[in-house]
Amino acid sequence: MKITEGTRNELDGGRRRGVLPIAQGDNFGFPDDEAVFSWADFTLSDALRMRVYFDLTRSGLKAQDVKSFVGNGFARVEHGEIQRPFDFHNPGPKPWLNPPRGLFDVWEEEIWIAREVWTCADIEEITKGPNFSVTWHGGTKSEIERAVADLKQGFDQRETLSLQLYNLSLARQKVLDAAREINLPELDELEGGKA
């Protein structure tokens, strides 16, 4: 918990509600799996996810929204995002909007995760309910802006209602600094501890 700057109460509350962005044993996010979860299973990657979770819940976002923000944002960073295939006249390979990146690789630029809330002319048909939808992004600010612009091509009158950005590079640095302070053995597994 020390390297996440979270409290035991925040962790226990999130676990009881099933909103933590980390696996808690075999049943991801369910409060009844405490018996199979051990602190020995808590990785540096988990610490980073929890750091982001604590920061975003403290900022006022609902914990369930934060769980999605963290899970999907991290997936966009780790797996990358390619240009959407809306150009049916050019079916070839699409360029990366943002390339895949390891969470503890060396990053040349600041990496962010983002939660975009948007609407469009036919949103009711897409969502079967609310008049907005949510998309997550991850990468540099310019990559995120390019991804948002790319998605607008596929929808009639698509409008971004809000774009919430979170500086993953800053959170990662704080987690790594705290891990170095307590000489966490997992740091040796990183590329020479250079991340």
C-alpha atoms as a PDB file:
ATOM      1  CA  MET A   1       0.000   0.000   0.000  1.00  0.00           C
ATOM      2  CA  LYS A   2       2.893   2.350   0.678  1.00  0.00           C
ATOM      3  CA  ILE A   3       3.880   2.677  -2.966  1.00  0.00           C
ATOM      4  CA  THR A   4       0.297   3.381  -4.077  1.00  0.00           C
ATOM      5  CA  GLU A   5      -0.308   6.112  -1.472  1.00  0.00           C
ATOM      6  CA  GLY A   6      -3.691   4.540  -0.801  1.00  0.00           C
ATOM      7  CA  THR A   7      -5.230   3.731   2.545  1.00  0.00           C
ATOM      8  CA  ARG A   8      -6.386   0.400   3.896  1.00  0.00           C
ATOM      9  CA  ASN A   9      -9.941   1.810   4.140  1.00  0.00           C
ATOM     10  CA  GLU A  10      -9.918   2.774   0.440  1.00  0.00           C
ATOM     11  CA  LEU A  11      -8.654  -0.669  -0.512  1.00  0.00           C
ATOM     12  CA  ASP A  12     -11.161  -2.516   1.689  1.00  0.00           C
ATOM     13  CA  GLY A  13     -14.044  -0.337   0.468  1.00  0.00           C
ATOM     14  CA  GLY A  14     -13.148  -0.948  -3.165  1.00  0.00           C
ATOM     15  CA  ARG A  15     -12.779  -4.679  -2.581  1.00  0.00           C
ATOM     16  CA  ARG A  16     -16.159  -4.913  -0.831  1.00  0.00           C
ATOM     17  CA  ARG A  17     -17.857  -3.115  -3.745  1.00  0.00           C
ATOM     18  CA  GLY A  18     -15.976  -5.167  -6.360  1.00  0.00           C
ATOM     19  CA  VAL A  19     -14.547  -2.099  -8.118  1.00  0.00           C
ATOM     20  CA  LEU A  20     -10.783  -2.580  -7.809  1.00  0.00           C
ATOM     21  CA  PRO A  21      -8.897  -2.483 -11.133  1.00  0.00           C
ATOM     22  CA  ILE A  22      -6.749  -5.479 -10.166  1.00  0.00           C
ATOM     23  CA  ALA A  23      -7.392  -9.191  -9.897  1.00  0.00           C
ATOM     24  CA  GLN A  24      -8.202 -10.343  -6.402  1.00  0.00           C
ATOM     25  CA  GLY A  25      -7.638 -14.024  -6.968  1.00  0.00           C
ATOM     26  CA  ASP A  26      -9.708 -16.199  -9.268  1.00  0.00           C
ATOM     27  CA  ASN A  27     -12.819 -13.995  -9.196  1.00  0.00           C
ATOM     28  CA  PHE A  28     -11.746 -10.606 -10.547  1.00  0.00           C
ATOM     29  CA  GLY A  29     -13.268  -7.822  -8.523  1.00  0.00           C
ATOM     30  CA  PHE A  30     -15.605  -9.845  -6.317  1.00  0.00           C
ATOM     31  CA  PRO A  31     -15.487  -9.220  -2.562  1.00  0.00           C
ATOM     32  CA  ASP A  32     -15.909 -12.901  -1.614  1.00  0.00           C
ATOM     33  CA  ASP A  33     -12.518 -13.901  -3.049  1.00  0.00           C
ATOM     34  CA  GLU A  34     -10.428 -12.531  -0.168  1.00  0.00           C
ATOM     35  CA  ALA A  35      -9.330 -16.029   0.831  1.00  0.00           C
ATOM     36  CA  VAL A  36      -7.549 -16.600  -2.497  1.00  0.00           C
ATOM     37  CA  PHE A  37      -5.949 -13.154  -2.665  1.00  0.00           C
ATOM     38  CA  SER A  38      -2.540 -12.656  -1.114  1.00  0.00           C
ATOM     39  CA  TRP A  39      -0.283  -9.615  -0.902  1.00  0.00           C
ATOM     40  CA  ALA A  40       2.433 -11.833  -2.375  1.00  0.00           C
ATOM     41  CA  ASP A  41       0.453 -11.688  -5.632  1.00  0.00           C
ATOM     42  CA  PHE A  42       0.512  -7.862  -5.704  1.00  0.00           C
ATOM     43  CA  THR A  43       2.796  -6.770  -8.572  1.00  0.00           C
ATOM     44  CA  LEU A  44       4.349  -3.451  -9.530  1.00  0.00           C
ATOM     45  CA  SER A  45       1.769  -3.293 -12.324  1.00  0.00           C
ATOM     46  CA  ASP A  46      -0.986  -3.760  -9.712  1.00  0.00           C
ATOM     47  CA  ALA A  47       0.552  -0.954  -7.659  1.00  0.00           C
ATOM     48  CA  LEU A  48       0.411   1.371 -10.665  1.00  0.00           C
ATOM     49  CA  ARG A  49      -3.222   0.457 -11.357  1.00  0.00           C
ATOM     50  CA  MET A  50      -4.099   1.049  -7.710  1.00  0.00           C
ATOM     51  CA  ARG A  51      -2.263   4.386  -7.658  1.00  0.00           C
ATOM     52  CA  VAL A  52      -4.356   5.552 -10.625  1.00  0.00           C
ATOM     53  CA  TYR A  53      -7.530   4.137  -9.020  1.00  0.00           C
ATOM     54  CA  PHE A  54      -6.907   6.032  -5.770  1.00  0.00           C
ATOM     55  CA  ASP A  55      -6.110   9.282  -7.599  1.00  0.00           C
ATOM     56  CA  LEU A  56      -9.195   9.119  -9.825  1.00  0.00           C
ATOM     57  CA  THR A  57     -11.658   8.112  -7.083  1.00  0.00           C
ATOM     58  CA  ARG A  58     -10.320  10.941  -4.921  1.00  0.00           C
ATOM     59  CA  SER A  59     -10.960  13.324  -7.834  1.00  0.00           C
ATOM     60  CA  GLY A  60     -14.682  12.558  -7.616  1.00  0.00           C
ATOM     61  CA  LEU A  61     -15.255   9.883 -10.271  1.00  0.00           C
ATOM     62  CA  LYS A  62     -17.439   6.945  -9.264  1.00  0.00           C
ATOM     63  CA  ALA A  63     -15.380   3.871  -8.421  1.00  0.00           C
ATOM     64  CA  GLN A  64     -17.118   1.717 -11.076  1.00  0.00           C
ATOM     65  CA  ASP A  65     -16.278   4.329 -13.736  1.00  0.00           C
ATOM     66  CA  VAL A  66     -12.697   4.442 -12.469  1.00  0.00           C
ATOM     67  CA  LYS A  67     -12.396   0.650 -12.738  1.00  0.00           C
ATOM     68  CA  SER A  68     -13.374   0.918 -16.426  1.00  0.00           C
ATOM     69  CA  PHE A  69     -11.147   3.966 -16.959  1.00  0.00           C
ATOM     70  CA  VAL A  70      -8.097   2.168 -15.531  1.00  0.00           C
ATOM     71  CA  GLY A  71      -8.742  -1.210 -17.166  1.00  0.00           C
ATOM     72  CA  ASN A  72      -9.515   0.152 -20.614  1.00  0.00           C
ATOM     73  CA  GLY A  73      -6.963   2.968 -20.513  1.00  0.00           C
ATOM     74  CA  PHE A  74      -4.160   0.580 -19.555  1.00  0.00           C
ATOM     75  CA  ALA A  75      -5.282  -1.832 -22.297  1.00  0.00           C
ATOM     76  CA  ARG A  76      -4.994   0.998 -24.860  1.00  0.00           C
ATOM     77  CA  VAL A  77      -1.455   1.727 -23.663  1.00  0.00           C
ATOM     78  CA  GLU A  78      -0.358  -1.932 -23.577  1.00  0.00           C
ATOM     79  CA  HIS A  79      -2.062  -3.103 -26.776  1.00  0.00           C
ATOM     80  CA  GLY A  80      -2.077   0.103 -28.782  1.00  0.00           C
ATOM     81  CA  GLU A  81      -4.830   1.292 -31.084  1.00  0.00           C
ATOM     82  CA  ILE A  82      -5.021   1.184 -34.846  1.00  0.00           C
ATOM     83  CA  GLN A  83      -6.877   3.485 -37.203  1.00  0.00           C
ATOM     84  CA  ARG A  84     -10.500   2.504 -37.640  1.00  0.00           C
ATOM     85  CA  PRO A  85     -11.276   0.753 -40.974  1.00  0.00           C
ATOM     86  CA  PHE A  86     -13.872   3.251 -42.245  1.00  0.00           C
ATOM     87  CA  ASP A  87     -12.184   3.656 -45.629  1.00  0.00           C
ATOM     88  CA  PHE A  88     -13.685   0.740 -47.566  1.00  0.00           C
ATOM     89  CA  HIS A  89     -11.793   1.786 -50.703  1.00  0.00           C
ATOM     90  CA  ASN A  90      -8.448   1.188 -48.972  1.00  0.00           C
ATOM     91  CA  PRO A  91      -8.786  -2.150 -47.121  1.00  0.00           C
ATOM     92  CA  GLY A  92      -5.041  -2.542 -46.490  1.00  0.00           C
ATOM     93  CA  PRO A  93      -3.325  -2.472 -43.100  1.00  0.00           C
ATOM     94  CA  LYS A  94      -4.129   0.576 -41.038  1.00  0.00           C
ATOM     95  CA  PRO A  95      -1.495   2.678 -39.277  1.00  0.00           C
ATOM     96  CA  TRP A  96      -1.127   2.763 -35.518  1.00  0.00           C
ATOM     97  CA  LEU A  97      -2.866   5.650 -33.778  1.00  0.00           C
ATOM     98  CA  ASN A  98      -0.676   4.714 -30.835  1.00  0.00           C
ATOM     99  CA  PRO A  99       1.740   1.764 -30.710  1.00  0.00           C
ATOM    100  CA  PRO A 100       1.717  -0.873 -27.958  1.00  0.00           C
ATOM    101  CA  ARG A 101       3.878   0.063 -24.961  1.00  0.00           C
ATOM    102  CA  GLY A 102       4.911  -1.908 -21.910  1.00  0.00           C
ATOM    103  CA  LEU A 103       3.883  -0.275 -18.646  1.00  0.00           C
ATOM    104  CA  PHE A 104       7.484  -0.135 -17.496  1.00  0.00           C
ATOM    105  CA  ASP A 105       9.238   0.316 -20.824  1.00  0.00           C
ATOM    106  CA  VAL A 106      11.260   3.469 -21.335  1.00  0.00           C
ATOM    107  CA  TRP A 107       8.866   6.122 -22.657  1.00  0.00           C
ATOM    108  CA  GLU A 108      10.293   9.026 -24.633  1.00  0.00           C
ATOM    109  CA  GLU A 109       7.188  11.189 -24.125  1.00  0.00           C
ATOM    110  CA  GLU A 110       4.549  11.522 -21.412  1.00  0.00           C
ATOM    111  CA  ILE A 111       1.886   8.835 -21.648  1.00  0.00           C
ATOM    112  CA  TRP A 112      -1.702   9.537 -20.683  1.00  0.00           C
ATOM    113  CA  ILE A 113      -4.919   7.560 -20.387  1.00  0.00           C
ATOM    114  CA  ALA A 114      -8.194   9.233 -21.328  1.00  0.00           C
ATOM    115  CA  ARG A 115     -11.931   8.755 -20.917  1.00  0.00           C
ATOM    116  CA  GLU A 116     -13.958  10.333 -23.709  1.00  0.00           C
ATOM    117  CA  VAL A 117     -17.696  10.854 -23.271  1.00  0.00           C
ATOM    118  CA  TRP A 118     -19.372  11.546 -26.608  1.00  0.00           C
ATOM    119  CA  THR A 119     -22.677  11.724 -28.425  1.00  0.00           C
ATOM    120  CA  CYS A 120     -23.830  11.670 -32.055  1.00  0.00           C
ATOM    121  CA  ALA A 121     -26.989  11.957 -34.135  1.00  0.00           C
ATOM    122  CA  ASP A 122     -27.966   8.283 -33.820  1.00  0.00           C
ATOM    123  CA  ILE A 123     -26.662   7.565 -30.311  1.00  0.00           C
ATOM    124  CA  GLU A 124     -29.947   6.040 -29.068  1.00  0.00           C
ATOM    125  CA  GLU A 125     -29.601   3.229 -31.617  1.00  0.00           C
ATOM    126  CA  ILE A 126     -26.023   2.543 -30.501  1.00  0.00           C
ATOM    127  CA  THR A 127     -26.457   2.618 -26.723  1.00  0.00           C
ATOM    128  CA  LYS A 128     -30.081   1.439 -26.308  1.00  0.00           C
ATOM    129  CA  GLY A 129     -30.456   3.892 -23.456  1.00  0.00           C
ATOM    130  CA  PRO A 130     -28.414   6.936 -22.483  1.00  0.00           C
ATOM    131  CA  ASN A 131     -27.749   9.675 -25.015  1.00  0.00           C
ATOM    132  CA  PHE A 132     -23.979   9.307 -24.734  1.00  0.00           C
ATOM    133  CA  SER A 133     -21.256   6.689 -24.960  1.00  0.00           C
ATOM    134  CA  VAL A 134     -17.766   6.311 -23.474  1.00  0.00           C
ATOM    135  CA  THR A 135     -14.500   5.450 -25.232  1.00  0.00           C
ATOM    136  CA  TRP A 136     -11.079   5.062 -23.635  1.00  0.00           C
ATOM    137  CA  HIS A 137      -7.710   6.021 -25.052  1.00  0.00           C
ATOM    138  CA  GLY A 138      -4.055   5.710 -24.095  1.00  0.00           C
ATOM    139  CA  GLY A 139      -0.863   7.239 -25.453  1.00  0.00           C
ATOM    140  CA  THR A 140       0.698  10.659 -25.867  1.00  0.00           C
ATOM    141  CA  LYS A 141      -1.629  13.670 -25.935  1.00  0.00           C
ATOM    142  CA  SER A 142      -1.205  13.990 -29.704  1.00  0.00           C
ATOM    143  CA  GLU A 143      -1.971  10.271 -30.193  1.00  0.00           C
ATOM    144  CA  ILE A 144      -5.125  10.602 -28.110  1.00  0.00           C
ATOM    145  CA  GLU A 145      -6.221  13.677 -30.094  1.00  0.00           C
ATOM    146  CA  ARG A 146      -5.613  11.761 -33.335  1.00  0.00           C
ATOM    147  CA  ALA A 147      -7.645   8.786 -32.043  1.00  0.00           C
ATOM    148  CA  VAL A 148     -10.570  11.048 -31.101  1.00  0.00           C
ATOM    149  CA  ALA A 149     -10.460  12.688 -34.551  1.00  0.00           C
ATOM    150  CA  ASP A 150     -10.247   9.263 -36.229  1.00  0.00           C
ATOM    151  CA  LEU A 151     -13.367   8.032 -34.419  1.00  0.00           C
ATOM    152  CA  LYS A 152     -15.367  11.072 -35.560  1.00  0.00           C
ATOM    153  CA  GLN A 153     -15.093   9.834 -39.152  1.00  0.00           C
ATOM    154  CA  GLY A 154     -17.438   6.943 -38.539  1.00  0.00           C
ATOM    155  CA  PHE A 155     -20.375   8.758 -36.940  1.00  0.00           C
ATOM    156  CA  ASP A 156     -22.794  11.426 -38.051  1.00  0.00           C
ATOM    157  CA  GLN A 157     -22.331  14.616 -36.030  1.00  0.00           C
ATOM    158  CA  ARG A 158     -20.149  12.911 -33.392  1.00  0.00           C
ATOM    159  CA  GLU A 159     -19.356  15.388 -30.621  1.00  0.00           C
ATOM    160  CA  THR A 160     -17.008  14.938 -27.662  1.00  0.00           C
ATOM    161  CA  LEU A 161     -18.838  16.028 -24.502  1.00  0.00           C
ATOM    162  CA  SER A 162     -15.807  15.596 -22.228  1.00  0.00           C
ATOM    163  CA  LEU A 163     -12.277  14.263 -22.435  1.00  0.00           C
ATOM    164  CA  GLN A 164     -10.758  13.410 -19.074  1.00  0.00           C
ATOM    165  CA  LEU A 165      -6.994  12.932 -19.185  1.00  0.00           C
ATOM    166  CA  TYR A 166      -4.812  11.277 -16.548  1.00  0.00           C
ATOM    167  CA  ASN A 167      -1.009  11.543 -16.595  1.00  0.00           C
ATOM    168  CA  LEU A 168       0.102   7.909 -16.410  1.00  0.00           C
ATOM    169  CA  SER A 169       3.783   8.881 -16.706  1.00  0.00           C
ATOM    170  CA  LEU A 170       3.606  10.945 -13.530  1.00  0.00           C
ATOM    171  CA  ALA A 171       1.807   8.191 -11.596  1.00  0.00           C
ATOM    172  CA  ARG A 172       4.294   5.615 -12.862  1.00  0.00           C
ATOM    173  CA  GLN A 173       7.222   7.768 -11.719  1.00  0.00           C
ATOM    174  CA  LYS A 174       5.709   8.144  -8.233  1.00  0.00           C
ATOM    175  CA  VAL A 175       5.195   4.361  -7.965  1.00  0.00           C
ATOM    176  CA  LEU A 176       8.744   3.650  -9.156  1.00  0.00           C
ATOM    177  CA  ASP A 177      10.238   6.217  -6.779  1.00  0.00           C
ATOM    178  CA  ALA A 178       8.336   4.715  -3.836  1.00  0.00           C
ATOM    179  CA  ALA A 179       9.359   1.189  -4.904  1.00  0.00           C
ATOM    180  CA  ARG A 180      13.015   2.257  -5.071  1.00  0.00           C
ATOM    181  CA  GLU A 181      12.725   3.812  -1.621  1.00  0.00           C
ATOM    182  CA  ILE A 182      11.808   0.425  -0.133  1.00  0.00           C
ATOM    183  CA  ASN A 183      14.129  -1.462  -2.524  1.00  0.00           C
ATOM    184  CA  LEU A 184      11.368  -3.601  -4.026  1.00  0.00           C
ATOM    185  CA  PRO A 185      12.972  -6.708  -5.611  1.00  0.00           C
ATOM    186  CA  GLU A 186      10.668  -6.533  -8.660  1.00  0.00           C
ATOM    187  CA  LEU A 187      12.573  -3.443  -9.817  1.00  0.00           C
ATOM    188  CA  ASP A 188      15.502  -5.695 -10.807  1.00  0.00           C
ATOM    189  CA  GLU A 189      13.261  -7.331 -13.435  1.00  0.00           C
ATOM    190  CA  LEU A 190      12.703  -4.022 -15.231  1.00  0.00           C
ATOM    191  CA  GLU A 191      15.126  -3.118 -17.990  1.00  0.00           C
ATOM    192  CA  GLY A 192      17.984  -2.327 -15.625  1.00  0.00           C
ATOM    193  CA  GLY A 193      15.542  -0.363 -13.462  1.00  0.00           C
ATOM    194  CA  LYS A 194      15.590   2.428 -16.074  1.00  0.00           C
ATOM    195  CA  ALA A 195      11.841   2.842 -16.502  1.00  0.00           C
END
